[in-house]
Amino acid sequence: MERNHNPDNCNVLNFFFADKKNKRRNFGQIVSDVGRICYSVSLSLGEPTTTGRNNLTRPSEFILLGLSSRPEDQKPLFAVFLPIYLITVIGNLLIILAIRSDTRLQTPMYFFLSILSFVDICYVTVIIPKMLVNFLSETKTISYGECLTQMYFFLAFGNTDSYLLAAMAIDRYVAIRNPFHYITIMSHRSCVLLLVLSFCIPHFHSLLHILLTNQLICASNVIHHFFCDDQPVLKLSCSSHFVKEITVMTEGLAVIMTPFSCIIISYLRILITVLKIPSAAGKHKAFSTCGSHLTVVTLFYGSISYVYFQPLSNYTVKDQIATIIYTVLTPMLNPFIYSLRNKDMKQGLAKLMHRMKCQ
């Protein structure tokens, strides 16, 4: 019996199988394209990427020009900042040990002072060690991830400092305004609450700014600064940083001004209370408990306002001097300011040094 071979049927079958092969090929192409897209998205979290429209590349590393680009200045600068770092760490560590070892210093004011000393150690450690390495290095580079990490902890610890200063101002106000209810108001629970707020708000603020900075694309990888500060890195961006600047001027301003406002209000109330004290000796005693704190606040906020409360276009290399004051000098001077003008701290340090010698 003969089989009928219809050429049309063969053409239909060939078309069907060819169409299935094309579908497999198209499906494979789609999977491949999706894979490439996912890979490119994963790179955007830190690895260098390229935008197709303008062929701009996010750098894999930055070059920190530092305080001076002249080779002959590097070793003298290293010789200056290494002792500053060691004095800062040792001085603040002695403050912490003295407060922890002396029962008379177990009060809310010294509790916040010990935390401030710990934060100051972390603050300078984020900046100075890398700066010291760059003084002796020819490349002076920092990777993209390290730069964002440095910026995150710099913003976090810097703002934690300001919130701790605000907590100390509130403590001084309560001590002068309501001395008989001081222990009740500044209880352990109140101190812990102020401490938690002093750490949580700055870290959330820092995380927000790092996420916004990570979205920017830099046209250059040369930072005219000695560390990855927010303003110098923002100046490198060739993409729109309108959202970032609006965030700095709104959320950033609110985060900075909140503790500053607490300090101003606290000291205004302290001033009103002290002026009501009839005796001159009483006024002097009340003011003497605030002198050290007020000195640190003036140094810290004076230099910060000079650097950051100005348009981004006006930021110049000259602002590095003001930056050094609040990032390097203020943490170094804190132990001297709080110990030299405080009789209890002097006695606590003397006891600590005596115990260390006996051992």
Protein backbone atom coordinates (compact mmCIF):
# COMPACT_ATOMS: atom_id res chain seq x y z
CA MET A 1 0.00 0.00 0.00
CA GLU A 2 1.52 3.29 -1.03
CA ARG A 3 2.00 6.18 1.37
CA ASN A 4 0.97 9.60 0.27
CA HIS A 5 3.79 12.12 0.67
CA ASN A 6 2.26 15.53 0.75
CA PRO A 7 4.92 18.23 0.31
CA ASP A 8 2.69 20.76 2.08
CA ASN A 9 2.62 18.56 5.19
CA CYS A 10 6.42 18.39 5.16
CA ASN A 11 6.64 22.18 4.90
CA VAL A 12 4.25 22.57 7.81
CA LEU A 13 6.28 20.18 9.96
CA ASN A 14 9.56 21.87 9.05
CA PHE A 15 8.08 25.26 9.93
CA PHE A 16 6.78 23.90 13.25
CA PHE A 17 10.15 22.47 14.34
CA ALA A 18 11.99 25.53 13.07
CA ASP A 19 9.61 27.73 15.03
CA LYS A 20 10.28 25.70 18.20
CA LYS A 21 14.03 26.08 17.69
CA ASN A 22 13.59 29.81 17.22
CA LYS A 23 11.53 29.99 20.40
CA ARG A 24 14.22 28.10 22.33
CA ARG A 25 16.85 30.41 20.87
CA ASN A 26 14.78 33.51 21.76
CA PHE A 27 14.11 32.21 25.27
CA GLY A 28 17.81 31.55 25.76
CA GLN A 29 18.60 35.05 24.57
CA ILE A 30 16.08 36.51 27.04
CA VAL A 31 17.61 34.53 29.94
CA SER A 32 21.06 35.71 28.90
CA ASP A 33 19.91 39.33 28.76
CA VAL A 34 18.27 39.09 32.21
CA GLY A 35 21.48 37.62 33.60
CA ARG A 36 23.52 40.48 32.21
CA ILE A 37 21.09 43.04 33.70
CA CYS A 38 21.21 41.43 37.16
CA TYR A 39 25.00 41.35 37.01
CA SER A 40 25.18 45.03 36.12
CA VAL A 41 22.79 45.92 38.97
CA SER A 42 24.92 44.01 41.45
CA LEU A 43 27.96 45.96 40.33
CA SER A 44 26.26 49.25 41.13
CA LEU A 45 26.68 48.61 44.87
CA GLY A 46 30.40 49.25 44.83
CA GLU A 47 32.24 48.05 41.75
CA PRO A 48 33.07 50.44 38.93
CA THR A 49 30.25 50.73 36.40
CA THR A 50 29.76 52.55 33.12
CA THR A 51 26.69 54.41 31.88
CA GLY A 52 25.93 53.88 28.26
CA ARG A 53 24.53 57.34 27.56
CA ASN A 54 27.53 59.44 28.54
CA ASN A 55 30.15 56.71 28.87
CA LEU A 56 30.89 57.86 32.43
CA THR A 57 32.57 55.50 34.88
CA ARG A 58 32.25 55.22 38.64
CA PRO A 59 35.87 54.99 39.83
CA SER A 60 37.10 51.91 41.66
CA GLU A 61 39.31 54.08 43.86
CA PHE A 62 39.95 57.70 44.81
CA ILE A 63 43.14 59.69 45.18
CA LEU A 64 43.37 61.73 48.39
CA LEU A 65 45.57 64.76 47.77
CA GLY A 66 45.88 65.37 51.50
CA LEU A 67 47.05 68.57 53.17
CA SER A 68 49.92 69.08 50.75
CA SER A 69 50.93 67.61 47.40
CA ARG A 70 54.62 68.46 47.81
CA PRO A 71 56.79 65.38 48.55
CA GLU A 72 59.03 67.28 50.97
CA ASP A 73 56.03 68.07 53.22
CA GLN A 74 54.88 64.47 53.75
CA LYS A 75 57.34 63.34 56.44
CA PRO A 76 57.03 66.56 58.51
CA LEU A 77 53.23 66.22 58.40
CA PHE A 78 53.56 62.58 59.49
CA ALA A 79 55.77 63.71 62.38
CA VAL A 80 53.10 66.23 63.44
CA PHE A 81 49.97 64.08 63.20
CA LEU A 82 51.36 60.85 64.69
CA PRO A 83 51.93 62.42 68.15
CA ILE A 84 48.52 64.13 67.90
CA TYR A 85 46.86 60.77 67.29
CA LEU A 86 48.74 59.07 70.13
CA ILE A 87 47.99 61.93 72.56
CA THR A 88 44.30 61.81 71.59
CA VAL A 89 43.98 58.06 72.10
CA ILE A 90 46.00 57.93 75.34
CA GLY A 91 44.38 61.07 76.81
CA ASN A 92 40.81 59.95 76.16
CA LEU A 93 41.62 56.42 77.34
CA LEU A 94 42.92 57.83 80.64
CA ILE A 95 39.69 59.79 81.05
CA ILE A 96 37.66 56.59 80.57
CA LEU A 97 39.81 54.59 83.02
CA ALA A 98 39.78 57.36 85.63
CA ILE A 99 35.98 57.62 85.53
CA ARG A 100 35.49 53.85 85.69
CA SER A 101 37.91 53.37 88.58
CA ASP A 102 36.75 56.24 90.86
CA THR A 103 33.41 55.81 92.64
CA ARG A 104 33.05 59.59 93.11
CA LEU A 105 32.95 59.99 89.33
CA GLN A 106 30.03 57.58 88.88
CA THR A 107 27.58 60.37 88.02
CA PRO A 108 25.60 61.13 84.83
CA MET A 109 27.95 63.97 83.83
CA TYR A 110 31.05 61.78 83.95
CA PHE A 111 29.16 58.88 82.40
CA PHE A 112 28.50 61.00 79.31
CA LEU A 113 32.08 62.30 79.41
CA SER A 114 33.44 58.73 79.31
CA ILE A 115 31.21 57.91 76.32
CA LEU A 116 32.33 61.14 74.63
CA SER A 117 35.97 60.12 75.12
CA PHE A 118 35.26 56.69 73.61
CA VAL A 119 33.53 58.25 70.58
CA ASP A 120 36.44 60.69 70.14
CA ILE A 121 38.87 57.76 69.97
CA CYS A 122 36.73 56.13 67.29
CA TYR A 123 36.33 59.46 65.49
CA VAL A 124 40.04 60.14 65.05
CA THR A 125 40.75 56.47 64.27
CA VAL A 126 38.43 56.70 61.26
CA ILE A 127 40.53 59.55 59.79
CA ILE A 128 44.11 59.82 61.07
CA PRO A 129 45.55 56.29 60.49
CA LYS A 130 44.67 56.39 56.78
CA MET A 131 46.06 59.92 56.59
CA LEU A 132 49.34 58.76 58.18
CA VAL A 133 49.62 55.89 55.69
CA ASN A 134 49.09 58.31 52.79
CA PHE A 135 51.83 60.60 54.11
CA LEU A 136 54.34 57.79 53.57
CA SER A 137 52.76 56.38 50.41
CA GLU A 138 53.28 57.46 46.84
CA THR A 139 49.87 56.36 45.56
CA LYS A 140 47.64 57.97 48.27
CA THR A 141 44.65 55.96 47.08
CA ILE A 142 41.53 54.71 48.85
CA SER A 143 39.11 52.22 47.34
CA TYR A 144 35.52 53.20 46.55
CA GLY A 145 34.14 50.94 49.29
CA GLU A 146 36.67 52.17 51.86
CA CYS A 147 35.83 55.77 50.99
CA LEU A 148 32.10 55.26 51.61
CA THR A 149 32.87 53.35 54.82
CA GLN A 150 35.11 56.15 56.07
CA MET A 151 32.46 58.72 55.20
CA TYR A 152 29.76 56.71 57.00
CA PHE A 153 31.64 56.41 60.30
CA PHE A 154 32.94 59.98 60.07
CA LEU A 155 29.38 61.33 59.82
CA ALA A 156 28.08 58.89 62.44
CA PHE A 157 30.72 59.57 65.11
CA GLY A 158 30.80 63.31 64.38
CA ASN A 159 27.05 63.65 64.92
CA THR A 160 27.20 61.34 67.95
CA ASP A 161 29.66 63.82 69.46
CA SER A 162 27.17 66.66 69.02
CA TYR A 163 24.30 64.67 70.59
CA LEU A 164 26.48 63.71 73.55
CA LEU A 165 27.40 67.37 74.03
CA ALA A 166 23.67 68.14 74.03
CA ALA A 167 23.04 65.42 76.64
CA MET A 168 25.81 66.92 78.79
CA ALA A 169 24.24 70.38 78.46
CA ILE A 170 20.87 68.99 79.62
CA ASP A 171 22.64 67.32 82.54
CA ARG A 172 24.27 70.63 83.57
CA TYR A 173 20.92 72.44 83.35
CA VAL A 174 19.19 69.90 85.58
CA ALA A 175 22.07 69.99 88.09
CA ILE A 176 21.91 73.78 88.39
CA ARG A 177 18.15 74.30 88.00
CA ASN A 178 16.91 71.37 90.13
CA PRO A 179 19.83 70.20 92.30
CA PHE A 180 17.56 68.45 94.84
CA HIS A 181 15.80 66.42 92.13
CA TYR A 182 18.93 65.81 90.06
CA ILE A 183 19.27 62.10 90.90
CA THR A 184 15.57 61.51 90.21
CA ILE A 185 15.49 63.32 86.86
CA MET A 186 18.88 62.11 85.58
CA SER A 187 18.20 58.51 86.52
CA HIS A 188 19.91 55.52 84.96
CA ARG A 189 16.94 55.06 82.63
CA SER A 190 17.11 58.68 81.45
CA CYS A 191 20.85 58.42 80.79
CA VAL A 192 20.43 55.22 78.78
CA LEU A 193 17.61 56.80 76.75
CA LEU A 194 19.75 59.84 75.92
CA LEU A 195 22.64 57.54 75.02
CA VAL A 196 20.51 55.42 72.67
CA LEU A 197 19.20 58.53 70.90
CA SER A 198 22.75 59.89 70.66
CA PHE A 199 23.83 56.80 68.73
CA CYS A 200 20.73 55.83 66.71
CA ILE A 201 19.88 59.20 65.13
CA PRO A 202 23.42 59.88 63.82
CA HIS A 203 23.78 56.37 62.39
CA PHE A 204 20.46 56.54 60.53
CA HIS A 205 21.41 60.01 59.28
CA SER A 206 24.79 58.71 58.08
CA LEU A 207 23.23 55.71 56.34
CA LEU A 208 20.83 57.94 54.40
CA HIS A 209 23.63 60.16 53.13
CA ILE A 210 25.80 57.20 52.12
CA LEU A 211 22.94 55.66 50.12
CA LEU A 212 22.39 58.97 48.30
CA THR A 213 26.13 59.41 47.66
CA ASN A 214 26.33 55.90 46.22
CA GLN A 215 23.83 56.91 43.50
CA LEU A 216 26.10 59.67 42.20
CA ILE A 217 28.55 59.18 39.33
CA CYS A 218 31.91 60.89 39.66
CA ALA A 219 33.64 62.56 36.73
CA SER A 220 36.97 62.53 38.57
CA ASN A 221 38.58 60.38 41.25
CA VAL A 222 40.82 63.08 42.78
CA ILE A 223 39.60 64.30 46.18
CA HIS A 224 41.08 67.62 47.30
CA HIS A 225 41.01 66.65 50.96
CA PHE A 226 42.79 64.43 53.48
CA PHE A 227 39.82 62.07 53.93
CA CYS A 228 36.49 61.22 52.29
CA ASP A 229 34.39 64.09 53.57
CA ASP A 230 30.88 64.66 52.25
CA GLN A 231 31.45 68.02 50.55
CA PRO A 232 34.68 67.24 48.61
CA VAL A 233 33.24 63.94 47.32
CA LEU A 234 30.01 65.67 46.30
CA LYS A 235 32.00 68.18 44.25
CA LEU A 236 33.31 65.34 42.06
CA SER A 237 29.83 64.37 40.91
CA CYS A 238 28.92 65.14 37.31
CA SER A 239 25.41 63.70 37.72
CA SER A 240 22.61 65.69 39.32
CA HIS A 241 22.99 65.91 43.09
CA PHE A 242 19.93 68.09 43.63
CA VAL A 243 18.27 65.49 45.88
CA LYS A 244 21.46 65.10 47.89
CA GLU A 245 21.82 68.85 48.43
CA ILE A 246 18.16 69.22 49.39
CA THR A 247 18.60 66.38 51.91
CA VAL A 248 21.69 68.06 53.36
CA MET A 249 19.87 71.39 53.74
CA THR A 250 16.72 69.84 55.29
CA GLU A 251 17.26 66.50 57.04
CA GLY A 252 20.95 67.17 57.61
CA LEU A 253 20.29 70.63 59.00
CA ALA A 254 17.59 69.25 61.30
CA VAL A 255 19.88 66.52 62.63
CA ILE A 256 22.67 69.03 63.32
CA MET A 257 20.48 71.83 64.69
CA THR A 258 18.51 69.60 67.10
CA PRO A 259 21.40 69.03 69.55
CA PHE A 260 22.69 72.57 68.98
CA SER A 261 19.27 73.97 69.88
CA CYS A 262 19.20 71.83 73.03
CA ILE A 263 22.59 73.25 74.02
CA ILE A 264 21.52 76.86 73.39
CA ILE A 265 18.22 76.47 75.27
CA SER A 266 19.94 74.68 78.17
CA TYR A 267 22.55 77.41 78.57
CA LEU A 268 19.99 80.20 78.30
CA ARG A 269 18.05 78.58 81.13
CA ILE A 270 21.29 78.06 83.08
CA LEU A 271 22.12 81.76 82.62
CA ILE A 272 18.69 82.83 83.86
CA THR A 273 18.99 80.52 86.88
CA VAL A 274 22.53 81.64 87.76
CA LEU A 275 21.63 85.33 87.56
CA LYS A 276 19.02 84.72 90.26
CA ILE A 277 21.67 83.43 92.68
CA PRO A 278 22.33 86.23 95.18
CA SER A 279 25.96 85.51 96.11
CA ALA A 280 28.90 86.00 93.75
CA ALA A 281 30.53 82.81 95.05
CA GLY A 282 27.43 80.83 94.14
CA LYS A 283 27.37 82.28 90.64
CA HIS A 284 31.05 81.48 90.13
CA LYS A 285 30.58 77.89 91.34
CA ALA A 286 27.63 77.35 89.00
CA PHE A 287 29.44 78.78 85.98
CA SER A 288 32.62 76.81 86.75
CA THR A 289 30.78 73.52 86.26
CA CYS A 290 29.86 74.60 82.70
CA GLY A 291 33.12 76.22 81.57
CA SER A 292 34.81 73.09 80.21
CA HIS A 293 31.73 71.94 78.34
CA LEU A 294 31.09 75.39 76.87
CA THR A 295 34.69 75.57 75.60
CA VAL A 296 34.38 72.24 73.78
CA VAL A 297 30.99 73.24 72.30
CA THR A 298 32.44 76.50 70.97
CA LEU A 299 35.40 74.76 69.30
CA PHE A 300 33.27 71.98 67.84
CA TYR A 301 30.31 73.94 66.49
CA GLY A 302 32.33 77.00 65.48
CA SER A 303 34.51 75.03 63.06
CA ILE A 304 31.61 72.88 61.78
CA SER A 305 29.44 75.89 60.97
CA TYR A 306 32.31 77.50 59.08
CA VAL A 307 32.82 74.42 56.88
CA TYR A 308 29.28 73.17 56.23
CA PHE A 309 26.95 76.17 56.43
CA GLN A 310 27.99 77.50 53.05
CA PRO A 311 27.12 76.64 49.42
CA LEU A 312 28.89 73.66 47.87
CA SER A 313 30.46 75.87 45.18
CA ASN A 314 32.22 77.94 47.86
CA TYR A 315 33.98 74.93 49.42
CA THR A 316 37.74 75.41 49.01
CA VAL A 317 40.98 73.90 50.23
CA LYS A 318 41.15 76.61 52.93
CA ASP A 319 38.26 74.89 54.71
CA GLN A 320 40.63 72.03 55.56
CA ILE A 321 42.02 74.14 58.42
CA ALA A 322 38.59 74.39 60.04
CA THR A 323 38.05 70.67 59.38
CA ILE A 324 41.27 69.82 61.23
CA ILE A 325 40.01 71.75 64.27
CA TYR A 326 36.89 69.63 64.83
CA THR A 327 38.20 66.32 63.50
CA VAL A 328 41.69 66.29 65.04
CA LEU A 329 42.33 69.10 67.53
CA THR A 330 39.03 69.07 69.45
CA PRO A 331 39.23 65.32 70.33
CA MET A 332 42.86 65.86 71.40
CA LEU A 333 42.03 68.89 73.57
CA ASN A 334 38.96 67.37 75.25
CA PRO A 335 40.92 65.45 77.93
CA PHE A 336 42.95 68.55 78.80
CA ILE A 337 39.91 70.85 78.88
CA TYR A 338 37.88 68.53 81.11
CA SER A 339 40.74 67.52 83.42
CA LEU A 340 42.68 70.77 83.92
CA ARG A 341 39.56 72.76 84.89
CA ASN A 342 37.90 70.04 86.98
CA LYS A 343 39.07 69.23 90.51
CA ASP A 344 37.28 65.85 90.64
CA MET A 345 38.86 64.75 87.35
CA LYS A 346 42.30 65.82 88.55
CA GLN A 347 41.92 63.71 91.69
CA GLY A 348 40.58 60.78 89.69
CA LEU A 349 43.52 60.90 87.27
CA ALA A 350 45.98 61.22 90.17
CA LYS A 351 44.50 58.10 91.80
CA LEU A 352 44.67 56.22 88.51
CA MET A 353 48.32 57.17 87.95
CA HIS A 354 49.15 56.14 91.55
CA ARG A 355 47.54 52.72 91.05
CA MET A 356 49.42 52.23 87.79
CA LYS A 357 52.74 53.06 89.46
CA CYS A 358 52.03 50.68 92.36
CA GLN A 359 51.37 47.85 89.94
